[in-house]
Protein backbone atom coordinates (compact mmCIF):
# COMPACT_ATOMS: atom_id res chain seq x y z
CA MET A 1 0.00 0.00 0.00
CA LEU A 2 1.16 3.53 -0.84
CA ILE A 3 0.11 5.93 1.91
CA PHE A 4 0.25 9.69 1.24
CA LEU A 5 0.19 11.90 4.33
CA ASP A 6 -0.21 15.64 4.77
CA ILE A 7 1.87 17.22 7.57
CA ASP A 8 0.19 20.11 9.41
CA GLY A 9 -3.00 19.02 11.13
CA THR A 10 -2.58 15.45 9.88
CA LEU A 11 0.77 14.15 11.13
CA THR A 12 1.79 17.04 13.37
CA ASP A 13 0.69 20.07 15.31
CA MET A 14 2.01 23.55 14.48
CA ARG A 15 5.19 22.82 16.44
CA GLY A 16 6.00 19.86 14.22
CA VAL A 17 5.33 17.38 17.01
CA ILE A 18 4.12 13.94 15.89
CA PRO A 19 1.83 12.35 18.52
CA ASP A 20 3.25 9.14 19.99
CA SER A 21 0.35 7.06 18.67
CA THR A 22 0.97 8.42 15.16
CA ALA A 23 4.70 7.68 15.29
CA GLU A 24 4.01 4.13 16.44
CA ALA A 25 1.40 3.58 13.72
CA LEU A 26 3.76 4.88 11.02
CA ALA A 27 6.55 2.57 12.19
CA GLU A 28 4.22 -0.44 12.30
CA ALA A 29 2.81 0.27 8.85
CA LYS A 30 6.31 0.61 7.39
CA ALA A 31 7.35 -2.65 9.08
CA ASN A 32 4.31 -4.31 7.50
CA GLY A 33 5.60 -3.37 4.04
CA HIS A 34 3.56 -0.25 3.33
CA ARG A 35 5.33 2.74 1.81
CA LEU A 36 4.80 6.13 3.46
CA ILE A 37 4.92 9.30 1.36
CA ILE A 38 4.72 12.89 2.60
CA GLY A 39 2.15 14.91 0.63
CA SER A 40 2.52 18.52 1.73
CA GLY A 41 1.95 22.08 0.65
CA ARG A 42 5.32 22.79 2.24
CA SER A 43 8.32 23.01 -0.04
CA MET A 44 11.27 20.75 0.73
CA CYS A 45 13.10 23.35 2.84
CA GLU A 46 10.06 23.58 5.13
CA ILE A 47 9.70 19.88 5.85
CA TYR A 48 10.95 19.27 9.36
CA PRO A 49 14.48 17.80 9.49
CA HIS A 50 13.40 15.22 12.06
CA MET A 51 10.82 13.90 9.58
CA ARG A 52 13.32 13.72 6.72
CA GLU A 53 15.87 12.01 8.95
CA SER A 54 13.43 9.53 10.51
CA GLY A 55 13.78 6.89 7.79
CA LEU A 56 10.01 6.44 7.77
CA PHE A 57 9.23 8.13 4.47
CA ALA A 58 10.07 6.73 1.04
CA GLY A 59 9.20 9.89 -0.82
CA TYR A 60 7.89 13.43 -0.81
CA VAL A 61 5.21 15.33 -2.70
CA ALA A 62 6.18 18.89 -1.77
CA GLY A 63 5.18 22.40 -2.79
CA ALA A 64 1.59 21.18 -3.25
CA GLY A 65 2.71 18.90 -6.09
CA ALA A 66 5.38 21.05 -7.72
CA TYR A 67 8.15 18.75 -6.49
CA VAL A 68 8.09 14.95 -6.26
CA GLU A 69 10.87 12.74 -4.92
CA LEU A 70 10.98 8.97 -4.46
CA ASP A 71 13.79 6.98 -2.85
CA GLY A 72 16.12 9.96 -3.20
CA ARG A 73 15.37 10.41 -6.92
CA VAL A 74 13.65 13.56 -8.19
CA LEU A 75 10.67 12.60 -10.34
CA ARG A 76 9.34 16.10 -10.83
CA ASP A 77 10.54 19.66 -10.27
CA ARG A 78 7.99 22.06 -11.76
CA PRO A 79 7.95 25.52 -10.17
CA MET A 80 5.43 28.17 -11.20
CA PRO A 81 6.05 29.75 -14.62
CA ALA A 82 8.44 32.65 -14.05
CA ASP A 83 6.17 35.24 -15.67
CA MET A 84 3.24 34.15 -13.49
CA ALA A 85 5.32 34.28 -10.32
CA GLY A 86 6.72 37.69 -11.30
CA ARG A 87 3.26 39.08 -12.00
CA ALA A 88 2.00 37.75 -8.65
CA MET A 89 4.94 39.20 -6.71
CA CYS A 90 4.45 42.64 -8.24
CA TRP A 91 0.68 42.57 -7.78
CA LEU A 92 1.14 41.82 -4.08
CA LYS A 93 3.91 44.40 -3.66
CA GLU A 94 1.95 47.16 -5.38
CA GLY A 95 -1.13 46.34 -3.33
CA GLY A 96 0.77 46.73 -0.07
CA ALA A 97 0.67 43.05 0.84
CA ASP A 98 3.56 41.06 2.28
CA PHE A 99 4.59 37.74 0.79
CA ILE A 100 7.00 34.83 0.99
CA CYS A 101 8.16 32.77 -2.00
CA GLU A 102 8.38 29.09 -1.14
CA CYS A 103 11.25 27.42 -2.99
CA ASN A 104 13.02 24.10 -2.52
CA ASP A 105 16.18 25.57 -1.03
CA TYR A 106 14.76 28.44 1.07
CA MET A 107 11.72 30.58 1.72
CA TYR A 108 12.37 34.07 0.32
CA GLU A 109 10.64 36.98 2.06
CA TYR A 110 9.54 40.38 0.82
CA ARG A 111 10.27 43.13 3.36
CA SER A 112 10.00 41.57 6.83
CA SER A 113 7.12 39.30 5.88
CA ILE A 114 8.37 36.45 8.02
CA ASP A 115 7.75 38.56 11.13
CA ASN A 116 4.03 38.23 10.44
CA LEU A 117 4.31 34.46 10.28
CA ILE A 118 6.37 34.36 13.47
CA GLU A 119 3.96 36.58 15.39
CA GLY A 120 0.97 34.57 14.19
CA ALA A 121 2.62 31.32 15.29
CA VAL A 122 3.62 32.79 18.65
CA LYS A 123 0.07 34.03 19.18
CA ARG A 124 -1.27 30.52 18.67
CA LEU A 125 1.47 28.54 20.42
CA GLY A 126 2.51 30.90 23.20
CA GLU A 127 5.45 33.16 23.98
CA GLY A 128 7.43 30.18 25.26
CA GLU A 129 7.71 28.91 21.67
CA ARG A 130 9.16 32.15 20.26
CA ALA A 131 12.84 31.14 20.39
CA ARG A 132 12.20 27.82 18.64
CA ILE A 133 10.02 29.44 15.97
CA GLU A 134 12.55 32.21 15.29
CA ALA A 135 15.43 29.72 15.08
CA ASN A 136 13.51 27.56 12.61
CA TYR A 137 12.77 30.47 10.28
CA ALA A 138 16.30 31.86 10.59
CA ARG A 139 17.42 28.53 9.15
CA ILE A 140 15.19 28.54 6.08
CA VAL A 141 14.33 32.18 5.24
CA ARG A 142 16.27 34.53 2.98
CA PRO A 143 15.41 37.97 1.46
CA VAL A 144 13.93 38.30 -2.02
CA CYS A 145 16.37 39.81 -4.51
CA GLU A 146 19.02 40.12 -1.76
CA GLY A 147 17.33 43.12 -0.17
CA ASN A 148 16.27 44.93 -3.37
CA TRP A 149 12.65 45.70 -2.52
CA ASP A 150 12.05 48.10 -5.41
CA PHE A 151 12.04 45.36 -8.06
CA SER A 152 10.27 45.49 -11.40
CA ARG A 153 8.10 42.76 -12.85
CA GLU A 154 11.01 41.55 -14.98
CA ASP A 155 13.26 41.53 -11.90
CA ALA A 156 10.68 39.39 -10.11
CA ALA A 157 10.35 37.05 -13.10
CA GLN A 158 14.13 36.69 -13.28
CA PHE A 159 14.22 35.88 -9.58
CA ALA A 160 11.59 33.17 -10.18
CA ARG A 161 13.58 31.75 -13.11
CA THR A 162 16.70 31.55 -10.99
CA HIS A 163 15.20 30.22 -7.78
CA GLY A 164 12.14 28.22 -8.82
CA VAL A 165 9.04 29.39 -6.92
CA ASN A 166 6.64 26.60 -5.99
CA LYS A 167 4.09 28.76 -4.18
CA ILE A 168 3.67 32.28 -2.83
CA LEU A 169 2.33 32.75 0.70
CA TYR A 170 0.88 36.22 1.25
CA TYR A 171 -0.36 38.30 4.22
CA HIS A 172 -2.39 41.47 4.73
CA ASN A 173 -3.75 41.28 1.22
CA ARG A 174 -6.86 43.31 0.41
CA SER A 175 -7.70 41.63 -2.91
CA SER A 176 -10.16 38.75 -3.21
CA ALA A 177 -9.10 35.38 -4.56
CA GLU A 178 -11.31 35.96 -7.62
CA GLU A 179 -9.65 39.31 -8.37
CA MET A 180 -6.15 37.84 -8.09
CA GLU A 181 -6.99 34.89 -10.31
CA HIS A 182 -8.32 37.37 -12.88
CA GLN A 183 -5.23 39.60 -12.68
CA ILE A 184 -2.76 36.69 -12.64
CA PRO A 185 -3.88 34.31 -15.42
CA GLY A 186 -3.24 30.64 -14.77
CA CYS A 187 -2.86 30.95 -11.01
CA LEU A 188 -4.83 29.26 -8.23
CA VAL A 189 -5.52 31.10 -4.96
CA LEU A 190 -6.42 29.12 -1.84
CA PRO A 191 -6.73 29.87 1.88
CA SER A 192 -3.51 29.20 3.76
CA SER A 193 -3.29 25.57 4.85
CA PHE A 194 -0.66 26.41 7.47
CA LEU A 195 -1.63 29.42 9.56
CA LYS A 196 -5.37 30.00 9.72
CA GLY A 197 -7.11 33.08 11.06
CA MET A 198 -4.62 35.77 10.04
CA ASN A 199 -5.89 38.78 8.13
CA GLY A 200 -5.71 38.54 4.33
CA ILE A 201 -3.59 35.37 4.25
CA GLY A 202 -3.55 32.86 1.40
CA GLU A 203 -1.45 30.93 -1.10
CA ILE A 204 -0.86 31.40 -4.82
CA SER A 205 0.22 28.46 -6.98
CA GLU A 206 -0.15 27.30 -10.57
CA LYS A 207 -3.62 26.13 -11.50
CA GLY A 208 -3.68 22.45 -12.37
CA VAL A 209 -0.71 21.56 -10.16
CA SER A 210 -1.69 19.69 -7.01
CA LYS A 211 -0.70 16.92 -4.65
CA ALA A 212 -2.70 14.57 -6.89
CA ASP A 213 0.14 14.79 -9.42
CA GLY A 214 2.45 13.19 -6.87
CA VAL A 215 -0.02 10.41 -6.13
CA ARG A 216 -0.27 9.52 -9.80
CA LEU A 217 3.42 9.93 -10.58
CA ILE A 218 4.69 7.83 -7.68
CA SER A 219 2.08 5.10 -8.13
CA ASP A 220 2.84 4.93 -11.86
CA THR A 221 6.59 4.83 -11.22
CA LEU A 222 6.20 1.93 -8.79
CA GLY A 223 3.51 0.18 -10.83
CA VAL A 224 1.06 0.34 -7.94
CA PRO A 225 -2.66 0.38 -8.91
CA VAL A 226 -4.82 3.22 -7.65
CA SER A 227 -6.78 0.77 -5.49
CA GLN A 228 -3.60 0.29 -3.46
CA THR A 229 -3.14 3.98 -2.60
CA MET A 230 -4.45 5.98 0.35
CA ALA A 231 -4.27 9.68 1.17
CA PHE A 232 -4.73 11.46 4.51
CA GLY A 233 -5.35 15.19 4.90
CA ASP A 234 -7.17 17.99 6.69
CA GLY A 235 -7.05 21.11 4.49
CA ALA A 236 -8.47 22.53 1.28
CA ASN A 237 -5.24 21.80 -0.61
CA ASP A 238 -5.63 18.08 0.19
CA ARG A 239 -8.81 17.79 -1.85
CA GLU A 240 -7.26 16.61 -5.11
CA MET A 241 -4.89 14.23 -3.31
CA LEU A 242 -7.75 12.48 -1.52
CA MET A 243 -9.75 12.25 -4.74
CA ALA A 244 -6.79 10.84 -6.70
CA ALA A 245 -6.05 8.08 -4.20
CA GLY A 246 -7.96 4.82 -4.04
CA THR A 247 -9.09 5.69 -0.53
CA GLY A 248 -9.24 9.24 0.81
CA VAL A 249 -9.22 9.77 4.57
CA ALA A 250 -10.08 13.09 6.23
CA MET A 251 -8.90 13.86 9.73
CA GLY A 252 -11.51 14.66 12.37
CA ASN A 253 -10.18 18.23 12.43
CA ALA A 254 -10.44 18.55 8.63
CA VAL A 255 -12.36 21.34 6.91
CA PRO A 256 -16.01 20.37 6.24
CA GLU A 257 -15.65 20.17 2.45
CA LEU A 258 -12.85 17.60 2.79
CA LYS A 259 -14.94 15.42 5.10
CA GLU A 260 -17.78 15.49 2.59
CA LEU A 261 -15.71 14.00 -0.23
CA ALA A 262 -13.60 11.60 1.86
CA ASP A 263 -14.21 7.85 1.84
CA TYR A 264 -13.56 7.72 5.57
CA VAL A 265 -13.33 10.28 8.38
CA THR A 266 -11.06 9.42 11.29
CA ASP A 267 -10.45 11.21 14.61
CA ASP A 268 -8.48 14.44 15.12
CA TYR A 269 -4.73 14.28 14.52
CA ASP A 270 -4.10 14.72 18.27
CA LYS A 271 -6.73 12.18 19.27
CA ASP A 272 -5.09 9.11 17.71
CA GLY A 273 -6.59 9.84 14.29
CA ILE A 274 -3.81 8.27 12.24
CA ARG A 275 -3.47 5.20 14.44
CA ASN A 276 -7.22 4.61 14.53
CA ALA A 277 -7.52 4.90 10.74
CA PHE A 278 -4.49 2.64 10.19
CA ARG A 279 -6.06 0.06 12.47
CA HIS A 280 -9.44 0.43 10.77
CA PHE A 281 -7.88 -0.39 7.41
CA GLY A 282 -5.49 -3.03 8.75
CA LEU A 283 -2.31 -1.11 8.00
CA CYS A 284 -0.96 -1.62 11.50
CA GLU A 285 -1.69 -4.26 14.09
CA GLU A 286 -4.43 -4.05 16.65
CA PRO A 287 -4.17 -6.74 19.34
CA GLY A 288 -6.15 -9.77 18.27
CA LYS A 289 -6.84 -8.56 14.72
CA PRO A 290 -5.03 -9.68 11.55
CA ILE A 291 -3.41 -7.39 9.00
CA ILE A 292 -5.64 -6.84 5.96
CA GLU A 293 -3.68 -7.26 2.76
CA LYS A 294 -5.86 -5.18 0.44
CA ILE A 295 -8.40 -2.39 0.72
CA HIS A 296 -10.67 -0.80 -1.83
CA ARG A 297 -12.57 2.45 -2.10
CA ASN A 298 -15.59 2.40 0.19
CA SER A 299 -18.95 2.44 -1.58
């Protein structure tokens, strides 16, 4: 079985902590021969080091499908078209919004945009988490255009060509998603899957690129039929991934629209949701119950 797993709100909390029951279920499923794949809106630089170093995951669908890796081999690296990214960066800049470009090597910030993300995270997690949050972002954040904030659209497009922008995370934006999609042809605008509740926050990516691409590409590469794939998620950007997999599982804390289309709804991520779903489908052992070899989409 190929098992695709979102990170935030599915595997971890906002601190990157994996509940003990989830860690145990992942290890058992891997030991039973199932292959675990991260399916995240995060770009590779944002995936927690402890997850990448755990040895649990055979591959990554990152940047909401822009980047796909399996067994250390890159299967796909498709950032946003440079002209689209440049147009989006300038639209946000001229409208007074802040933004962060999510790339595979680093997150690149406009002005001091990362301060907004830090303050939002501190507000939700508590002042005691500030040092850890700041250290994490110091590791992965760099300035756009090396401090040149007065860039033109061509400058922004050249930056995108050089760095490869998977997504753009924006804050304090006054434009609607519909207006941005009209002004930036070919883009898709979604609510932020990471930090909810902040004013004017969302994500811009290329329309037609999603985590579903990773599901299809990895399953095709391994010759695994769709019926032998599962996907777990909680946010709006998990929709296509759950629909592409043979069985789509929504977490108990998932947004309502994801629960409506899922084949199965488990418990919250911090209430043994992964373990309970794995046991339900026979991916990991429950005392006294055998491992189920195959599962199919629920009717």
